[in-house]
Amino acid sequence: MTIRWITPLLGTAPAIELLNSDADIHIVDVRDLVDKAGNRTHVIEEKIKIGQKLLSEGKKTVVCCDYGISRSNAIAAGILAVVENISLEAAVRRVQQATNVGEIKVELLHAVRAALGTHVAPSSRPARHAVMVTGGNGFLGKAIVATLASNMHVTAPSRHELDVSRGSTQIDVIAGETDSRTIVHLASPRVQTSNVAMGSSITMLRNIIDVCIARNISLVYLSGWEIYSGYRGSVLADESLPPLPRGPYGETKFLCETLIEHSCKHLGLRCALVRSGPIYGLGGDRPKFIYNFLDKAQRNETIVTHHYRNGDPALDLLHVNDLVNLITDVVRTNFTGTINAGTGILTSTHAIASMLILLTGSTSRIERIDIDADTARIAMDTSRARSLFGWNHKVSFTEGLASLLVK
């Protein structure tokens, strides 16, 4: 008999294993609930009251659904919250630890939360605007967390504390415990350019969106210039330019943006979508070619650049500090919509190689290799950012590149 005991008297199990059992247990049958949105509050209240009454009488109580996973664990958490007068988030953590079941549908937890109302202890509520940052231990994440923390309450769970790809329940629990009002979603697969990463990225985003919708939390999502990577030649991209991605990474961003657009239009999501040029800065390791060029220059070795059919590749490189300032403005103002971030200036890889040779006093020479393909040269039009926030990039690429040489 598979009963997962949460307390000595409260457990969950698949219904089929218990309904014909002679064991001295009492069943709270929740199979008539749906494992998604739509359950009526009074129905859930009645399930919780039944469990509460049985436990108050000292009876062994098992909440059952078809598999003993989502519906049963959600109702068990509600019962536990009432009986022990703890927050639903604390109860969910107890249930997860005891049952070793990680995922409970957020829509169902939201219904349980509505049914509980004020009958349980609330989570502690920070006085300042509370922000959760996923991927907060990465290069960009650390910079954003450090800046936002100056006047906001910031939570940045580590990958060990929160694996965004494993479902929405843990995200929901942390959001509830911290009373997060905004989620800045930066977490991504370690390798972002594969077909496998495409599925993982969409799964992560969907888990975040589920929580944002259930809790009415604003989402800030970082997209990128790759959304335009299918264009050929030099393009100045404003927010009205139709996306035209090319390759797995750009297509992943396009699919994520499409999911966000759908969720905003039909599900009530509030989202700021920030499309950034390539980000660089001290402490980062991207774009990779810059660090490869730098290593070659410091060794006085030949630097190899590419030349495509339509010219040298060129990028609108944005210093991390400038992007952090824009994201801070977005969070502070609760902005929703799409906004492009960059310098509006394209710098070729050949020019970057030449700059690094000059900065390092290198004797390296530059060779070009012809590539039989076209390249995208996308500069970001930041007129909207200037109009809305008075934002403009402050770090010139020459300054930013020189800062990378600081040991």
Foldseek 3Di string as FASTA:
>chain_A
DDWQDLDPQETEAAPVVPPPDPDQAAELEDQVDDQAADDDLVVLLVSLVVLLVCVVVVGRYYYHHHGRAALRLLSSLLNCQLNVQAASLVSSVSSCVRRVHDEHQLNSNLSSCVNCPPNHDFADEDPFAEEEEEVLPDPLNVVLCVVLVVGGHYHYDDCVQDVLLPAQSSVLSVCRNHVHQEYEYDDFPPDQQDLVRLVSLLSSLVSVLSNCLSSVHEYEYEAEPQQQWVDFDEDADWPPPHGDHDGRNNVSSVVSVVVVVCCVVPRVHFYEYEYEWAEDFAPHCPPVLLVVLLVCQLVLEAREAEAEPRGFAWTQYAYSVQVSVLVSVCVVVVDGDYFYDGQQDIDGPVNSSVLSNVLNVHNYHYHYDYDHHTGYHYGYDGPVSCVPPVGHGDQDVSNRSSNNPDD
